[in-house]
Each structure stands twice: as C-alpha cells, then as structure tokens.
Amino acid sequence: MSDKLNETALNALKIAFSYMPKAIEVTKYEYGENFQYVLDHIETVKEVLLLNDVDPEEVYGEVHPDHSPNSMY
C-alpha cells in the first residue's frame, strides 16, 4: 500500500487504534488461540499509520488529549 489515506480515513484509523489493546496486553490467556491474529492486526494498523507519517506511540495523546499524561520532553 503506497497511497496515503485521506484525512478523514486517517483520523478514523487513529481513533480505532487508540482503542486497540497494546501488544504487550495481548496474551494467550486473555485472547485464547486467536492472540496471534490480534497481534498481527495491531502490527498492520501500526504499519499503515507509519506509512502515513503518524507515530503510533503518539496517537492516543492526539486523539485523547485530556486523558493522556503530559509529555516528558
């Protein structure tokens, strides 16, 4: 996928990603035999965000600025 998403689609992806579990939270105990599918889906979304010049680590704070800690920078 080399085409960048339009702003509406990118914003929708950011919102959806902000509600996805963190990869470290995805365990076989919590997700059963499908845990690898969940990890693969998280990785796919991260890749698309990166292709659109979005840092996945910054998405939650961008989408939920009132619920994220202040930056340490």
PDB file of N, CA and C in Angstrom:
ATOM      1  N   MET A   1       0.856  -1.177   0.000  1.00  0.00           N
ATOM      2  CA  MET A   1       0.000   0.000   0.000  1.00  0.00           C
ATOM      3  C   MET A   1       0.895   1.230   0.000  1.00  0.00           C
ATOM      4  N   SER A   2       0.931   1.941  -1.080  1.00  0.00           N
ATOM      5  CA  SER A   2       1.793   3.113  -1.171  1.00  0.00           C
ATOM      6  C   SER A   2       0.997   4.412  -1.148  1.00  0.00           C
ATOM      7  N   ASP A   3      -0.301   4.342  -1.358  1.00  0.00           N
ATOM      8  CA  ASP A   3      -1.125   5.543  -1.329  1.00  0.00           C
ATOM      9  C   ASP A   3      -1.413   5.955   0.100  1.00  0.00           C
ATOM     10  N   LYS A   4      -1.336   7.239   0.351  1.00  0.00           N
ATOM     11  CA  LYS A   4      -1.645   7.743   1.685  1.00  0.00           C
ATOM     12  C   LYS A   4      -3.152   7.860   1.834  1.00  0.00           C
ATOM     13  N   LEU A   5      -3.605   7.686   3.078  1.00  0.00           N
ATOM     14  CA  LEU A   5      -5.030   7.809   3.375  1.00  0.00           C
ATOM     15  C   LEU A   5      -5.443   9.267   3.357  1.00  0.00           C
ATOM     16  N   ASN A   6      -6.713   9.524   3.020  1.00  0.00           N
ATOM     17  CA  ASN A   6      -7.195  10.896   3.127  1.00  0.00           C
ATOM     18  C   ASN A   6      -7.353  11.229   4.610  1.00  0.00           C
ATOM     19  N   GLU A   7      -7.509  12.483   4.923  1.00  0.00           N
ATOM     20  CA  GLU A   7      -7.519  12.939   6.316  1.00  0.00           C
ATOM     21  C   GLU A   7      -8.636  12.295   7.135  1.00  0.00           C
ATOM     22  N   THR A   8      -9.808  12.117   6.552  1.00  0.00           N
ATOM     23  CA  THR A   8     -10.933  11.508   7.271  1.00  0.00           C
ATOM     24  C   THR A   8     -10.637  10.054   7.601  1.00  0.00           C
ATOM     25  N   ALA A   9     -10.132   9.305   6.639  1.00  0.00           N
ATOM     26  CA  ALA A   9      -9.813   7.900   6.861  1.00  0.00           C
ATOM     27  C   ALA A   9      -8.670   7.753   7.867  1.00  0.00           C
ATOM     28  N   LEU A  10      -7.669   8.603   7.773  1.00  0.00           N
ATOM     29  CA  LEU A  10      -6.548   8.556   8.710  1.00  0.00           C
ATOM     30  C   LEU A  10      -7.020   8.872  10.128  1.00  0.00           C
ATOM     31  N   ASN A  11      -7.887   9.855  10.263  1.00  0.00           N
ATOM     32  CA  ASN A  11      -8.411  10.194  11.586  1.00  0.00           C
ATOM     33  C   ASN A  11      -9.225   9.029  12.159  1.00  0.00           C
ATOM     34  N   ALA A  12     -10.015   8.374  11.316  1.00  0.00           N
ATOM     35  CA  ALA A  12     -10.795   7.212  11.765  1.00  0.00           C
ATOM     36  C   ALA A  12      -9.862   6.087  12.217  1.00  0.00           C
ATOM     37  N   LEU A  13      -8.772   5.870  11.489  1.00  0.00           N
ATOM     38  CA  LEU A  13      -7.816   4.838  11.869  1.00  0.00           C
ATOM     39  C   LEU A  13      -7.146   5.179  13.197  1.00  0.00           C
ATOM     40  N   LYS A  14      -6.816   6.441  13.392  1.00  0.00           N
ATOM     41  CA  LYS A  14      -6.215   6.864  14.665  1.00  0.00           C
ATOM     42  C   LYS A  14      -7.168   6.603  15.825  1.00  0.00           C
ATOM     43  N   ILE A  15      -8.431   6.943  15.650  1.00  0.00           N
ATOM     44  CA  ILE A  15      -9.423   6.716  16.705  1.00  0.00           C
ATOM     45  C   ILE A  15      -9.529   5.228  17.014  1.00  0.00           C
ATOM     46  N   ALA A  16      -9.658   4.418  15.979  1.00  0.00           N
ATOM     47  CA  ALA A  16      -9.765   2.969  16.189  1.00  0.00           C
ATOM     48  C   ALA A  16      -8.509   2.426  16.879  1.00  0.00           C
ATOM     49  N   PHE A  17      -7.344   2.876  16.461  1.00  0.00           N
ATOM     50  CA  PHE A  17      -6.093   2.407  17.055  1.00  0.00           C
ATOM     51  C   PHE A  17      -5.998   2.796  18.523  1.00  0.00           C
ATOM     52  N   SER A  18      -6.525   3.953  18.868  1.00  0.00           N
ATOM     53  CA  SER A  18      -6.431   4.395  20.262  1.00  0.00           C
ATOM     54  C   SER A  18      -7.226   3.499  21.205  1.00  0.00           C
ATOM     55  N   TYR A  19      -8.170   2.738  20.675  1.00  0.00           N
ATOM     56  CA  TYR A  19      -8.963   1.819  21.498  1.00  0.00           C
ATOM     57  C   TYR A  19      -8.457   0.375  21.423  1.00  0.00           C
ATOM     58  N   MET A  20      -7.506   0.118  20.549  1.00  0.00           N
ATOM     59  CA  MET A  20      -6.945  -1.236  20.441  1.00  0.00           C
ATOM     60  C   MET A  20      -6.073  -1.518  21.656  1.00  0.00           C
ATOM     61  N   PRO A  21      -5.974  -2.793  22.036  1.00  0.00           N
ATOM     62  CA  PRO A  21      -5.073  -3.109  23.150  1.00  0.00           C
ATOM     63  C   PRO A  21      -3.622  -2.899  22.728  1.00  0.00           C
ATOM     64  N   LYS A  22      -2.775  -2.637  23.691  1.00  0.00           N
ATOM     65  CA  LYS A  22      -1.339  -2.576  23.417  1.00  0.00           C
ATOM     66  C   LYS A  22      -0.865  -4.004  23.197  1.00  0.00           C
ATOM     67  N   ALA A  23       0.135  -4.186  22.362  1.00  0.00           N
ATOM     68  CA  ALA A  23       0.617  -5.530  22.045  1.00  0.00           C
ATOM     69  C   ALA A  23       1.024  -6.298  23.307  1.00  0.00           C
ATOM     70  N   ILE A  24       1.586  -5.612  24.263  1.00  0.00           N
ATOM     71  CA  ILE A  24       2.019  -6.279  25.498  1.00  0.00           C
ATOM     72  C   ILE A  24       0.832  -6.816  26.307  1.00  0.00           C
ATOM     73  N   GLU A  25      -0.357  -6.276  26.079  1.00  0.00           N
ATOM     74  CA  GLU A  25      -1.560  -6.722  26.784  1.00  0.00           C
ATOM     75  C   GLU A  25      -2.197  -7.949  26.141  1.00  0.00           C
ATOM     76  N   VAL A  26      -1.771  -8.293  24.944  1.00  0.00           N
ATOM     77  CA  VAL A  26      -2.377  -9.401  24.199  1.00  0.00           C
ATOM     78  C   VAL A  26      -1.664 -10.700  24.575  1.00  0.00           C
ATOM     79  N   THR A  27      -2.368 -11.524  25.309  1.00  0.00           N
ATOM     80  CA  THR A  27      -1.808 -12.797  25.745  1.00  0.00           C
ATOM     81  C   THR A  27      -2.732 -13.942  25.341  1.00  0.00           C
ATOM     82  N   LYS A  28      -2.177 -15.129  25.331  1.00  0.00           N
ATOM     83  CA  LYS A  28      -2.964 -16.316  25.022  1.00  0.00           C
ATOM     84  C   LYS A  28      -4.044 -16.510  26.084  1.00  0.00           C
ATOM     85  N   TYR A  29      -3.747 -16.137  27.317  1.00  0.00           N
ATOM     86  CA  TYR A  29      -4.717 -16.262  28.409  1.00  0.00           C
ATOM     87  C   TYR A  29      -5.939 -15.380  28.156  1.00  0.00           C
ATOM     88  N   GLU A  30      -5.706 -14.155  27.722  1.00  0.00           N
ATOM     89  CA  GLU A  30      -6.804 -13.202  27.501  1.00  0.00           C
ATOM     90  C   GLU A  30      -7.533 -13.415  26.173  1.00  0.00           C
ATOM     91  N   TYR A  31      -6.807 -13.783  25.137  1.00  0.00           N
ATOM     92  CA  TYR A  31      -7.373 -13.847  23.791  1.00  0.00           C
ATOM     93  C   TYR A  31      -7.467 -15.262  23.216  1.00  0.00           C
ATOM     94  N   GLY A  32      -7.049 -16.249  23.979  1.00  0.00           N
ATOM     95  CA  GLY A  32      -7.140 -17.629  23.525  1.00  0.00           C
ATOM     96  C   GLY A  32      -6.247 -17.897  22.327  1.00  0.00           C
ATOM     97  N   GLU A  33      -6.680 -18.839  21.517  1.00  0.00           N
ATOM     98  CA  GLU A  33      -5.891 -19.240  20.357  1.00  0.00           C
ATOM     99  C   GLU A  33      -5.790 -18.134  19.292  1.00  0.00           C
ATOM    100  N   ASN A  34      -6.622 -17.100  19.382  1.00  0.00           N
ATOM    101  CA  ASN A  34      -6.617 -16.009  18.394  1.00  0.00           C
ATOM    102  C   ASN A  34      -5.636 -14.897  18.737  1.00  0.00           C
ATOM    103  N   PHE A  35      -4.840 -15.068  19.784  1.00  0.00           N
ATOM    104  CA  PHE A  35      -3.979 -13.970  20.212  1.00  0.00           C
ATOM    105  C   PHE A  35      -3.024 -13.522  19.115  1.00  0.00           C
ATOM    106  N   GLN A  36      -2.536 -14.448  18.287  1.00  0.00           N
ATOM    107  CA  GLN A  36      -1.607 -14.067  17.225  1.00  0.00           C
ATOM    108  C   GLN A  36      -2.303 -13.227  16.157  1.00  0.00           C
ATOM    109  N   TYR A  37      -3.559 -13.512  15.875  1.00  0.00           N
ATOM    110  CA  TYR A  37      -4.322 -12.689  14.919  1.00  0.00           C
ATOM    111  C   TYR A  37      -4.445 -11.262  15.430  1.00  0.00           C
ATOM    112  N   VAL A  38      -4.702 -11.115  16.724  1.00  0.00           N
ATOM    113  CA  VAL A  38      -4.828  -9.781  17.318  1.00  0.00           C
ATOM    114  C   VAL A  38      -3.497  -9.041  17.205  1.00  0.00           C
ATOM    115  N   LEU A  39      -2.409  -9.726  17.510  1.00  0.00           N
ATOM    116  CA  LEU A  39      -1.086  -9.098  17.378  1.00  0.00           C
ATOM    117  C   LEU A  39      -0.792  -8.701  15.933  1.00  0.00           C
ATOM    118  N   ASP A  40      -1.170  -9.555  15.003  1.00  0.00           N
ATOM    119  CA  ASP A  40      -0.970  -9.245  13.579  1.00  0.00           C
ATOM    120  C   ASP A  40      -1.788  -8.027  13.159  1.00  0.00           C
ATOM    121  N   HIS A  41      -3.020  -7.928  13.654  1.00  0.00           N
ATOM    122  CA  HIS A  41      -3.871  -6.782  13.318  1.00  0.00           C
ATOM    123  C   HIS A  41      -3.293  -5.494  13.890  1.00  0.00           C
ATOM    124  N   ILE A  42      -2.807  -5.547  15.101  1.00  0.00           N
ATOM    125  CA  ILE A  42      -2.183  -4.365  15.706  1.00  0.00           C
ATOM    126  C   ILE A  42      -0.988  -3.929  14.866  1.00  0.00           C
ATOM    127  N   GLU A  43      -0.165  -4.882  14.452  1.00  0.00           N
ATOM    128  CA  GLU A  43       1.010  -4.564  13.651  1.00  0.00           C
ATOM    129  C   GLU A  43       0.624  -3.977  12.293  1.00  0.00           C
ATOM    130  N   THR A  44      -0.420  -4.487  11.682  1.00  0.00           N
ATOM    131  CA  THR A  44      -0.887  -3.961  10.394  1.00  0.00           C
ATOM    132  C   THR A  44      -1.318  -2.510  10.524  1.00  0.00           C
ATOM    133  N   VAL A  45      -2.066  -2.205  11.563  1.00  0.00           N
ATOM    134  CA  VAL A  45      -2.520  -0.829  11.771  1.00  0.00           C
ATOM    135  C   VAL A  45      -1.322   0.084  12.026  1.00  0.00           C
ATOM    136  N   LYS A  46      -0.374  -0.367  12.832  1.00  0.00           N
ATOM    137  CA  LYS A  46       0.836   0.435  13.081  1.00  0.00           C
ATOM    138  C   LYS A  46       1.569   0.733  11.779  1.00  0.00           C
ATOM    139  N   GLU A  47       1.689  -0.271  10.912  1.00  0.00           N
ATOM    140  CA  GLU A  47       2.380  -0.080   9.638  1.00  0.00           C
ATOM    141  C   GLU A  47       1.684   0.970   8.773  1.00  0.00           C
ATOM    142  N   VAL A  48       0.364   0.943   8.727  1.00  0.00           N
ATOM    143  CA  VAL A  48      -0.378   1.918   7.931  1.00  0.00           C
ATOM    144  C   VAL A  48      -0.214   3.318   8.521  1.00  0.00           C
ATOM    145  N   LEU A  49      -0.240   3.420   9.832  1.00  0.00           N
ATOM    146  CA  LEU A  49      -0.012   4.721  10.460  1.00  0.00           C
ATOM    147  C   LEU A  49       1.376   5.249  10.092  1.00  0.00           C
ATOM    148  N   LEU A  50       2.381   4.394  10.192  1.00  0.00           N
ATOM    149  CA  LEU A  50       3.741   4.818   9.850  1.00  0.00           C
ATOM    150  C   LEU A  50       3.856   5.226   8.384  1.00  0.00           C
ATOM    151  N   LEU A  51       3.174   4.500   7.496  1.00  0.00           N
ATOM    152  CA  LEU A  51       3.186   4.865   6.073  1.00  0.00           C
ATOM    153  C   LEU A  51       2.555   6.233   5.835  1.00  0.00           C
ATOM    154  N   ASN A  52       1.722   6.661   6.772  1.00  0.00           N
ATOM    155  CA  ASN A  52       1.056   7.960   6.673  1.00  0.00           C
ATOM    156  C   ASN A  52       1.699   8.996   7.581  1.00  0.00           C
ATOM    157  N   ASP A  53       2.961   8.743   7.938  1.00  0.00           N
ATOM    158  CA  ASP A  53       3.762   9.676   8.735  1.00  0.00           C
ATOM    159  C   ASP A  53       3.161   9.964  10.102  1.00  0.00           C
ATOM    160  N   VAL A  54       2.575   8.944  10.724  1.00  0.00           N
ATOM    161  CA  VAL A  54       1.993   9.075  12.053  1.00  0.00           C
ATOM    162  C   VAL A  54       2.738   8.132  12.984  1.00  0.00           C
ATOM    163  N   ASP A  55       3.220   8.655  14.103  1.00  0.00           N
ATOM    164  CA  ASP A  55       3.890   7.835  15.109  1.00  0.00           C
ATOM    165  C   ASP A  55       2.825   7.145  15.951  1.00  0.00           C
ATOM    166  N   PRO A  56       2.734   5.814  15.889  1.00  0.00           N
ATOM    167  CA  PRO A  56       1.703   5.106  16.657  1.00  0.00           C
ATOM    168  C   PRO A  56       1.765   5.389  18.154  1.00  0.00           C
ATOM    169  N   GLU A  57       2.949   5.678  18.669  1.00  0.00           N
ATOM    170  CA  GLU A  57       3.099   5.950  20.103  1.00  0.00           C
ATOM    171  C   GLU A  57       2.473   7.286  20.507  1.00  0.00           C
ATOM    172  N   GLU A  58       2.238   8.159  19.562  1.00  0.00           N
ATOM    173  CA  GLU A  58       1.680   9.476  19.843  1.00  0.00           C
ATOM    174  C   GLU A  58       0.184   9.564  19.583  1.00  0.00           C
ATOM    175  N   VAL A  59      -0.401   8.521  19.005  1.00  0.00           N
ATOM    176  CA  VAL A  59      -1.803   8.566  18.582  1.00  0.00           C
ATOM    177  C   VAL A  59      -2.757   8.773  19.756  1.00  0.00           C
ATOM    178  N   TYR A  60      -2.581   8.023  20.838  1.00  0.00           N
ATOM    179  CA  TYR A  60      -3.526   8.128  21.955  1.00  0.00           C
ATOM    180  C   TYR A  60      -3.588   9.567  22.475  1.00  0.00           C
ATOM    181  N   GLY A  61      -2.445  10.186  22.658  1.00  0.00           N
ATOM    182  CA  GLY A  61      -2.411  11.554  23.148  1.00  0.00           C
ATOM    183  C   GLY A  61      -3.036  12.548  22.188  1.00  0.00           C
ATOM    184  N   GLU A  62      -2.907  12.282  20.896  1.00  0.00           N
ATOM    185  CA  GLU A  62      -3.510  13.155  19.891  1.00  0.00           C
ATOM    186  C   GLU A  62      -5.032  13.021  19.889  1.00  0.00           C
ATOM    187  N   VAL A  63      -5.513  11.784  19.986  1.00  0.00           N
ATOM    188  CA  VAL A  63      -6.948  11.529  19.934  1.00  0.00           C
ATOM    189  C   VAL A  63      -7.624  11.869  21.264  1.00  0.00           C
ATOM    190  N   HIS A  64      -6.924  11.640  22.370  1.00  0.00           N
ATOM    191  CA  HIS A  64      -7.483  11.855  23.708  1.00  0.00           C
ATOM    192  C   HIS A  64      -6.578  12.792  24.520  1.00  0.00           C
ATOM    193  N   PRO A  65      -6.462  14.041  24.126  1.00  0.00           N
ATOM    194  CA  PRO A  65      -5.515  14.924  24.815  1.00  0.00           C
ATOM    195  C   PRO A  65      -5.851  15.162  26.292  1.00  0.00           C
ATOM    196  N   ASP A  66      -7.108  15.066  26.664  1.00  0.00           N
ATOM    197  CA  ASP A  66      -7.485  15.298  28.064  1.00  0.00           C
ATOM    198  C   ASP A  66      -7.216  14.094  28.951  1.00  0.00           C
ATOM    199  N   HIS A  67      -6.948  12.936  28.348  1.00  0.00           N
ATOM    200  CA  HIS A  67      -6.743  11.716  29.118  1.00  0.00           C
ATOM    201  C   HIS A  67      -5.332  11.158  29.005  1.00  0.00           C
ATOM    202  N   SER A  68      -4.442  11.918  28.457  1.00  0.00           N
ATOM    203  CA  SER A  68      -3.074  11.428  28.315  1.00  0.00           C
ATOM    204  C   SER A  68      -2.137  12.244  29.200  1.00  0.00           C
ATOM    205  N   PRO A  69      -1.078  11.597  29.676  1.00  0.00           N
ATOM    206  CA  PRO A  69      -0.127  12.328  30.539  1.00  0.00           C
ATOM    207  C   PRO A  69       0.611  13.405  29.743  1.00  0.00           C
ATOM    208  N   ASN A  70       1.098  14.394  30.458  1.00  0.00           N
ATOM    209  CA  ASN A  70       1.881  15.433  29.818  1.00  0.00           C
ATOM    210  C   ASN A  70       3.171  14.843  29.285  1.00  0.00           C
ATOM    211  N   SER A  71       3.675  15.407  28.218  1.00  0.00           N
ATOM    212  CA  SER A  71       4.911  14.942  27.614  1.00  0.00           C
ATOM    213  C   SER A  71       6.071  15.166  28.569  1.00  0.00           C
ATOM    214  N   MET A  72       7.039  14.290  28.488  1.00  0.00           N
ATOM    215  CA  MET A  72       8.239  14.408  29.309  1.00  0.00           C
ATOM    216  C   MET A  72       9.322  15.217  28.602  1.00  0.00           C
ATOM    217  N   TYR A  73       9.050  15.675  27.370  1.00  0.00           N
ATOM    218  CA  TYR A  73      10.070  16.416  26.630  1.00  0.00           C
ATOM    219  C   TYR A  73      10.208  17.812  27.138  1.00  0.00           C
TER     220      TYR A  73
END
